[in-house]
């Protein structure tokens, strides 16, 4: 079965800069391998792909078993394509700009899956039935939604969007220690915890919280947000 596709080529300065920096790193590794004389094993791992075996010594034209030199032609050829992408898509009704924007947005999807598997702990899955597995991932993606809402609220209040790891760490450190039968002390506070509390109408700036105040906070966070 075949499907009609369209191709979109574009250039990105950021990708060009990354490609150039990566090539510089590989050229340096190639030069070090040539100087050490161990290109054969390194070349097999593609870590020094800009080293080539020229069995004829350029200066004397004498034959040699191995004569590793820097492949300047390959470096020049690769540099011609720095920054260029070619996207193949079946969405022929989309404009070139829309295709490029969708492609650039793929990192958000990839980052979300990293968050689900990492901070939220979607894997490993300790379930066996299909219903339980589906429920497990449903809970994980609901947690991702809540995390995104917290990132959005904190970014709006602080002017800087925090990472999911920063939010997780901040909330984990907001721990109350019992002072007496009626009071707890909270000894951890940052601008991020203040912003997270402000976003849901909870005052996390208080160092000492009474039992009655704690009940009020729990009741307030259970109310649906407007």
C-alpha atoms as a PDB file:
ATOM      1  CA  UNK A   1       0.000   0.000   0.000  1.00  0.00           C
ATOM      2  CA  UNK A   2       1.347   3.397  -0.948  1.00  0.00           C
ATOM      3  CA  UNK A   3       0.314   6.839   0.250  1.00  0.00           C
ATOM      4  CA  UNK A   4       0.939  10.209  -1.385  1.00  0.00           C
ATOM      5  CA  UNK A   5       3.413  12.347   0.536  1.00  0.00           C
ATOM      6  CA  UNK A   6       4.982  15.789   0.337  1.00  0.00           C
ATOM      7  CA  UNK A   7       8.488  16.835   1.241  1.00  0.00           C
ATOM      8  CA  UNK A   8       9.380  20.061   3.040  1.00  0.00           C
ATOM      9  CA  UNK A   9      12.981  21.205   3.331  1.00  0.00           C
ATOM     10  CA  UNK A  10      14.020  24.049   5.616  1.00  0.00           C
ATOM     11  CA  UNK A  11      17.071  25.463   7.358  1.00  0.00           C
ATOM     12  CA  UNK A  12      17.504  26.086  11.092  1.00  0.00           C
ATOM     13  CA  UNK A  13      20.298  28.194  12.570  1.00  0.00           C
ATOM     14  CA  UNK A  14      20.128  26.331  15.888  1.00  0.00           C
ATOM     15  CA  UNK A  15      20.490  22.982  14.139  1.00  0.00           C
ATOM     16  CA  UNK A  16      23.324  24.388  12.021  1.00  0.00           C
ATOM     17  CA  UNK A  17      25.164  25.515  15.149  1.00  0.00           C
ATOM     18  CA  UNK A  18      24.658  22.114  16.811  1.00  0.00           C
ATOM     19  CA  UNK A  19      25.862  20.278  13.701  1.00  0.00           C
ATOM     20  CA  UNK A  20      28.963  22.457  13.491  1.00  0.00           C
ATOM     21  CA  UNK A  21      29.780  21.944  17.177  1.00  0.00           C
ATOM     22  CA  UNK A  22      29.299  18.170  16.865  1.00  0.00           C
ATOM     23  CA  UNK A  23      31.534  18.019  13.814  1.00  0.00           C
ATOM     24  CA  UNK A  24      34.267  19.996  15.593  1.00  0.00           C
ATOM     25  CA  UNK A  25      34.127  17.447  18.419  1.00  0.00           C
ATOM     26  CA  UNK A  26      34.430  14.517  16.009  1.00  0.00           C
ATOM     27  CA  UNK A  27      37.294  16.191  14.111  1.00  0.00           C
ATOM     28  CA  UNK A  28      39.167  16.612  17.398  1.00  0.00           C
ATOM     29  CA  UNK A  29      38.616  12.948  18.275  1.00  0.00           C
ATOM     30  CA  UNK A  30      39.754  11.944  14.793  1.00  0.00           C
ATOM     31  CA  UNK A  31      42.960  13.975  15.113  1.00  0.00           C
ATOM     32  CA  UNK A  32      43.715  12.453  18.523  1.00  0.00           C
ATOM     33  CA  UNK A  33      43.144   8.935  17.166  1.00  0.00           C
ATOM     34  CA  UNK A  34      45.424   9.654  14.188  1.00  0.00           C
ATOM     35  CA  UNK A  35      48.141  10.933  16.531  1.00  0.00           C
ATOM     36  CA  UNK A  36      47.835   7.807  18.715  1.00  0.00           C
ATOM     37  CA  UNK A  37      47.791   5.493  15.738  1.00  0.00           C
ATOM     38  CA  UNK A  38      44.705   3.540  16.890  1.00  0.00           C
ATOM     39  CA  UNK A  39      42.198   4.638  14.250  1.00  0.00           C
ATOM     40  CA  UNK A  40      41.277   1.123  13.157  1.00  0.00           C
ATOM     41  CA  UNK A  41      39.340   0.206  16.321  1.00  0.00           C
ATOM     42  CA  UNK A  42      37.923   3.690  16.798  1.00  0.00           C
ATOM     43  CA  UNK A  43      36.829   3.907  13.151  1.00  0.00           C
ATOM     44  CA  UNK A  44      34.778   0.738  13.599  1.00  0.00           C
ATOM     45  CA  UNK A  45      32.760   2.562  16.266  1.00  0.00           C
ATOM     46  CA  UNK A  46      32.222   5.596  13.961  1.00  0.00           C
ATOM     47  CA  UNK A  47      33.670   7.854  16.653  1.00  0.00           C
ATOM     48  CA  UNK A  48      36.414   9.095  14.318  1.00  0.00           C
ATOM     49  CA  UNK A  49      34.610   9.011  10.972  1.00  0.00           C
ATOM     50  CA  UNK A  50      36.695  11.910   9.654  1.00  0.00           C
ATOM     51  CA  UNK A  51      39.832   9.760   9.684  1.00  0.00           C
ATOM     52  CA  UNK A  52      40.521   7.807   6.500  1.00  0.00           C
ATOM     53  CA  UNK A  53      43.069   5.189   5.636  1.00  0.00           C
ATOM     54  CA  UNK A  54      45.314   6.399   2.773  1.00  0.00           C
ATOM     55  CA  UNK A  55      47.858   3.589   2.262  1.00  0.00           C
ATOM     56  CA  UNK A  56      50.064   5.877   0.163  1.00  0.00           C
ATOM     57  CA  UNK A  57      52.110   8.514   2.024  1.00  0.00           C
ATOM     58  CA  UNK A  58      51.350  11.847   0.402  1.00  0.00           C
ATOM     59  CA  UNK A  59      54.846  13.339   0.740  1.00  0.00           C
ATOM     60  CA  UNK A  60      56.870  10.361  -0.537  1.00  0.00           C
ATOM     61  CA  UNK A  61      54.193   8.376  -2.416  1.00  0.00           C
ATOM     62  CA  UNK A  62      55.499   5.313  -0.646  1.00  0.00           C
ATOM     63  CA  UNK A  63      53.121   2.455   0.010  1.00  0.00           C
ATOM     64  CA  UNK A  64      52.201   1.811   3.639  1.00  0.00           C
ATOM     65  CA  UNK A  65      50.062  -0.767   5.400  1.00  0.00           C
ATOM     66  CA  UNK A  66      48.057   1.985   7.104  1.00  0.00           C
ATOM     67  CA  UNK A  67      48.322   5.713   6.745  1.00  0.00           C
ATOM     68  CA  UNK A  68      45.463   7.372   8.598  1.00  0.00           C
ATOM     69  CA  UNK A  69      44.854  11.008   7.655  1.00  0.00           C
ATOM     70  CA  UNK A  70      42.107  13.563   8.202  1.00  0.00           C
ATOM     71  CA  UNK A  71      39.367  13.285   5.581  1.00  0.00           C
ATOM     72  CA  UNK A  72      38.999  16.974   4.737  1.00  0.00           C
ATOM     73  CA  UNK A  73      36.740  16.232   1.759  1.00  0.00           C
ATOM     74  CA  UNK A  74      34.204  14.475   4.010  1.00  0.00           C
ATOM     75  CA  UNK A  75      34.306  17.376   6.473  1.00  0.00           C
ATOM     76  CA  UNK A  76      33.626  19.877   3.705  1.00  0.00           C
ATOM     77  CA  UNK A  77      30.835  17.743   2.249  1.00  0.00           C
ATOM     78  CA  UNK A  78      29.070  17.377   5.613  1.00  0.00           C
ATOM     79  CA  UNK A  79      29.361  21.098   6.337  1.00  0.00           C
ATOM     80  CA  UNK A  80      27.304  21.856   3.213  1.00  0.00           C
ATOM     81  CA  UNK A  81      24.221  20.385   4.884  1.00  0.00           C
ATOM     82  CA  UNK A  82      24.497  22.045   8.286  1.00  0.00           C
ATOM     83  CA  UNK A  83      21.099  23.180   9.489  1.00  0.00           C
ATOM     84  CA  UNK A  84      19.008  21.525   6.792  1.00  0.00           C
ATOM     85  CA  UNK A  85      16.002  19.333   7.551  1.00  0.00           C
ATOM     86  CA  UNK A  86      13.892  17.351   5.122  1.00  0.00           C
ATOM     87  CA  UNK A  87      10.444  16.402   6.405  1.00  0.00           C
ATOM     88  CA  UNK A  88       8.305  13.772   4.668  1.00  0.00           C
ATOM     89  CA  UNK A  89       4.602  13.912   5.559  1.00  0.00           C
ATOM     90  CA  UNK A  90       1.326  12.527   4.266  1.00  0.00           C
ATOM     91  CA  UNK A  91      -0.507  15.717   5.339  1.00  0.00           C
ATOM     92  CA  UNK A  92      -0.620  17.278   1.876  1.00  0.00           C
ATOM     93  CA  UNK A  93      -3.273  19.835   2.817  1.00  0.00           C
ATOM     94  CA  UNK A  94      -1.014  21.462   5.417  1.00  0.00           C
ATOM     95  CA  UNK A  95       1.063  24.429   4.377  1.00  0.00           C
ATOM     96  CA  UNK A  96       4.854  24.217   4.562  1.00  0.00           C
ATOM     97  CA  UNK A  97       4.823  26.506   7.605  1.00  0.00           C
ATOM     98  CA  UNK A  98       2.296  24.304   9.421  1.00  0.00           C
ATOM     99  CA  UNK A  99       4.368  21.184   8.719  1.00  0.00           C
ATOM    100  CA  UNK A 100       7.491  22.867  10.082  1.00  0.00           C
ATOM    101  CA  UNK A 101       5.656  24.103  13.204  1.00  0.00           C
ATOM    102  CA  UNK A 102       4.338  20.586  13.888  1.00  0.00           C
ATOM    103  CA  UNK A 103       7.806  19.142  13.499  1.00  0.00           C
ATOM    104  CA  UNK A 104       9.277  21.703  15.883  1.00  0.00           C
ATOM    105  CA  UNK A 105       6.591  20.817  18.412  1.00  0.00           C
ATOM    106  CA  UNK A 106       7.550  17.132  18.535  1.00  0.00           C
ATOM    107  CA  UNK A 107      10.015  17.807  21.359  1.00  0.00           C
ATOM    108  CA  UNK A 108       7.072  18.692  23.621  1.00  0.00           C
ATOM    109  CA  UNK A 109       5.561  15.244  23.066  1.00  0.00           C
ATOM    110  CA  UNK A 110       8.912  13.549  23.664  1.00  0.00           C
ATOM    111  CA  UNK A 111       9.508  15.626  26.806  1.00  0.00           C
ATOM    112  CA  UNK A 112       6.048  14.689  28.123  1.00  0.00           C
ATOM    113  CA  UNK A 113       6.788  10.986  27.751  1.00  0.00           C
ATOM    114  CA  UNK A 114      10.116  11.468  29.561  1.00  0.00           C
ATOM    115  CA  UNK A 115       8.260  13.162  32.430  1.00  0.00           C
ATOM    116  CA  UNK A 116       5.639  10.400  32.592  1.00  0.00           C
ATOM    117  CA  UNK A 117       8.278   7.672  32.687  1.00  0.00           C
ATOM    118  CA  UNK A 118      10.647   9.612  34.958  1.00  0.00           C
ATOM    119  CA  UNK A 119       9.176  12.003  37.547  1.00  0.00           C
ATOM    120  CA  UNK A 120       5.704  10.457  37.481  1.00  0.00           C
ATOM    121  CA  UNK A 121       6.999   6.876  37.454  1.00  0.00           C
ATOM    122  CA  UNK A 122       4.856   5.231  34.799  1.00  0.00           C
ATOM    123  CA  UNK A 123       7.408   2.454  34.424  1.00  0.00           C
ATOM    124  CA  UNK A 124       7.873  -0.246  35.492  1.00  0.00           C
ATOM    125  CA  UNK A 125       4.217  -1.282  35.417  1.00  0.00           C
ATOM    126  CA  UNK A 126       3.235  -3.558  38.295  1.00  0.00           C
ATOM    127  CA  UNK A 127      -0.094  -4.567  36.711  1.00  0.00           C
ATOM    128  CA  UNK A 128      -1.144  -7.615  34.734  1.00  0.00           C
ATOM    129  CA  UNK A 129      -4.714  -7.170  33.476  1.00  0.00           C
ATOM    130  CA  UNK A 130      -5.572  -4.839  30.600  1.00  0.00           C
ATOM    131  CA  UNK A 131      -8.039  -2.848  32.725  1.00  0.00           C
ATOM    132  CA  UNK A 132      -5.459  -2.249  35.456  1.00  0.00           C
ATOM    133  CA  UNK A 133      -2.775  -1.271  32.937  1.00  0.00           C
ATOM    134  CA  UNK A 134      -5.124   1.211  31.265  1.00  0.00           C
ATOM    135  CA  UNK A 135      -6.085   2.638  34.647  1.00  0.00           C
ATOM    136  CA  UNK A 136      -2.425   2.947  35.635  1.00  0.00           C
ATOM    137  CA  UNK A 137      -1.566   5.013  32.570  1.00  0.00           C
ATOM    138  CA  UNK A 138      -4.748   7.069  32.893  1.00  0.00           C
ATOM    139  CA  UNK A 139      -3.664   8.093  36.406  1.00  0.00           C
ATOM    140  CA  UNK A 140      -0.169   8.880  35.103  1.00  0.00           C
ATOM    141  CA  UNK A 141      -1.469  11.160  32.345  1.00  0.00           C
ATOM    142  CA  UNK A 142      -3.860  12.884  34.754  1.00  0.00           C
ATOM    143  CA  UNK A 143      -0.826  13.531  36.962  1.00  0.00           C
ATOM    144  CA  UNK A 144       0.976  14.944  33.900  1.00  0.00           C
ATOM    145  CA  UNK A 145      -1.954  17.290  33.276  1.00  0.00           C
ATOM    146  CA  UNK A 146      -1.842  18.498  36.890  1.00  0.00           C
ATOM    147  CA  UNK A 147       1.921  18.990  36.594  1.00  0.00           C
ATOM    148  CA  UNK A 148       1.482  21.078  33.433  1.00  0.00           C
ATOM    149  CA  UNK A 149      -1.123  23.225  35.175  1.00  0.00           C
ATOM    150  CA  UNK A 150       1.277  23.813  38.066  1.00  0.00           C
ATOM    151  CA  UNK A 151       4.050  24.742  35.622  1.00  0.00           C
ATOM    152  CA  UNK A 152       1.745  27.190  33.875  1.00  0.00           C
ATOM    153  CA  UNK A 153       0.552  28.794  37.126  1.00  0.00           C
ATOM    154  CA  UNK A 154       4.066  29.066  38.569  1.00  0.00           C
ATOM    155  CA  UNK A 155       5.403  30.521  35.324  1.00  0.00           C
ATOM    156  CA  UNK A 156       2.629  33.113  35.253  1.00  0.00           C
ATOM    157  CA  UNK A 157       3.294  34.179  38.852  1.00  0.00           C
ATOM    158  CA  UNK A 158       7.097  34.085  38.840  1.00  0.00           C
ATOM    159  CA  UNK A 159       7.851  34.958  35.229  1.00  0.00           C
ATOM    160  CA  UNK A 160       9.869  31.758  34.763  1.00  0.00           C
ATOM    161  CA  UNK A 161       8.422  28.340  33.929  1.00  0.00           C
ATOM    162  CA  UNK A 162       9.880  25.773  36.364  1.00  0.00           C
ATOM    163  CA  UNK A 163      10.801  22.257  35.329  1.00  0.00           C
ATOM    164  CA  UNK A 164       8.725  19.290  36.428  1.00  0.00           C
ATOM    165  CA  UNK A 165      11.653  18.109  38.548  1.00  0.00           C
ATOM    166  CA  UNK A 166      11.846  21.457  40.353  1.00  0.00           C
ATOM    167  CA  UNK A 167       8.125  21.345  41.185  1.00  0.00           C
ATOM    168  CA  UNK A 168       8.329  17.765  42.387  1.00  0.00           C
ATOM    169  CA  UNK A 169      11.320  18.522  44.596  1.00  0.00           C
ATOM    170  CA  UNK A 170       9.752  21.699  46.003  1.00  0.00           C
ATOM    171  CA  UNK A 171       6.493  19.997  46.966  1.00  0.00           C
ATOM    172  CA  UNK A 172       8.309  17.000  48.441  1.00  0.00           C
ATOM    173  CA  UNK A 173      10.261  19.337  50.746  1.00  0.00           C
ATOM    174  CA  UNK A 174       7.140  21.071  52.119  1.00  0.00           C
ATOM    175  CA  UNK A 175       6.887  18.835  55.176  1.00  0.00           C
ATOM    176  CA  UNK A 176       5.341  19.702  58.538  1.00  0.00           C
ATOM    177  CA  UNK A 177       6.942  18.653  61.808  1.00  0.00           C
ATOM    178  CA  UNK A 178       4.758  18.438  64.912  1.00  0.00           C
ATOM    179  CA  UNK A 179       5.548  21.044  67.562  1.00  0.00           C
ATOM    180  CA  UNK A 180       2.844  20.043  70.016  1.00  0.00           C
ATOM    181  CA  UNK A 181      -0.627  18.578  69.976  1.00  0.00           C
ATOM    182  CA  UNK A 182      -2.071  21.500  68.047  1.00  0.00           C
ATOM    183  CA  UNK A 183       0.714  22.951  65.879  1.00  0.00           C
ATOM    184  CA  UNK A 184       3.108  21.994  63.054  1.00  0.00           C
ATOM    185  CA  UNK A 185       6.198  23.809  61.855  1.00  0.00           C
ATOM    186  CA  UNK A 186       7.130  24.067  58.154  1.00  0.00           C
ATOM    187  CA  UNK A 187      10.797  24.954  57.712  1.00  0.00           C
ATOM    188  CA  UNK A 188      11.027  24.883  53.916  1.00  0.00           C
ATOM    189  CA  UNK A 189       9.969  27.853  51.766  1.00  0.00           C
ATOM    190  CA  UNK A 190      10.994  29.173  48.342  1.00  0.00           C
ATOM    191  CA  UNK A 191       9.570  31.527  45.714  1.00  0.00           C
ATOM    192  CA  UNK A 192       8.344  28.451  43.873  1.00  0.00           C
ATOM    193  CA  UNK A 193       6.424  27.034  46.846  1.00  0.00           C
ATOM    194  CA  UNK A 194       4.906  30.481  47.436  1.00  0.00           C
ATOM    195  CA  UNK A 195       3.772  30.623  43.797  1.00  0.00           C
ATOM    196  CA  UNK A 196       2.326  27.111  43.875  1.00  0.00           C
ATOM    197  CA  UNK A 197       0.380  27.981  47.002  1.00  0.00           C
ATOM    198  CA  UNK A 198      -0.865  31.285  45.548  1.00  0.00           C
ATOM    199  CA  UNK A 199      -2.076  29.474  42.429  1.00  0.00           C
ATOM    200  CA  UNK A 200      -4.546  27.401  44.469  1.00  0.00           C
ATOM    201  CA  UNK A 201      -5.274  29.972  47.155  1.00  0.00           C
ATOM    202  CA  UNK A 202      -3.228  28.290  49.891  1.00  0.00           C
ATOM    203  CA  UNK A 203      -0.869  30.324  52.063  1.00  0.00           C
ATOM    204  CA  UNK A 204       2.372  28.351  52.252  1.00  0.00           C
ATOM    205  CA  UNK A 205       4.326  31.251  53.708  1.00  0.00           C
ATOM    206  CA  UNK A 206       3.376  30.494  57.306  1.00  0.00           C
ATOM    207  CA  UNK A 207       6.061  28.802  59.321  1.00  0.00           C
ATOM    208  CA  UNK A 208       3.737  27.570  62.091  1.00  0.00           C
ATOM    209  CA  UNK A 209       0.298  26.144  61.241  1.00  0.00           C
ATOM    210  CA  UNK A 210      -2.378  25.179  63.741  1.00  0.00           C
ATOM    211  CA  UNK A 211      -4.503  22.062  63.456  1.00  0.00           C
ATOM    212  CA  UNK A 212      -7.566  24.159  62.653  1.00  0.00           C
ATOM    213  CA  UNK A 213      -5.685  26.030  59.920  1.00  0.00           C
ATOM    214  CA  UNK A 214      -4.521  22.721  58.440  1.00  0.00           C
ATOM    215  CA  UNK A 215      -8.144  21.508  58.272  1.00  0.00           C
ATOM    216  CA  UNK A 216      -9.119  24.736  56.485  1.00  0.00           C
ATOM    217  CA  UNK A 217      -6.324  24.262  53.920  1.00  0.00           C
ATOM    218  CA  UNK A 218      -7.360  20.678  53.220  1.00  0.00           C
ATOM    219  CA  UNK A 219     -10.985  21.749  52.788  1.00  0.00           C
ATOM    220  CA  UNK A 220     -10.045  24.608  50.444  1.00  0.00           C
ATOM    221  CA  UNK A 221      -7.918  22.491  48.084  1.00  0.00           C
ATOM    222  CA  UNK A 222     -10.779  20.015  47.721  1.00  0.00           C
ATOM    223  CA  UNK A 223     -13.016  22.699  46.249  1.00  0.00           C
ATOM    224  CA  UNK A 224     -13.199  22.788  42.426  1.00  0.00           C
ATOM    225  CA  UNK A 225     -11.121  25.588  40.891  1.00  0.00           C
ATOM    226  CA  UNK A 226     -13.076  28.258  39.100  1.00  0.00           C
END
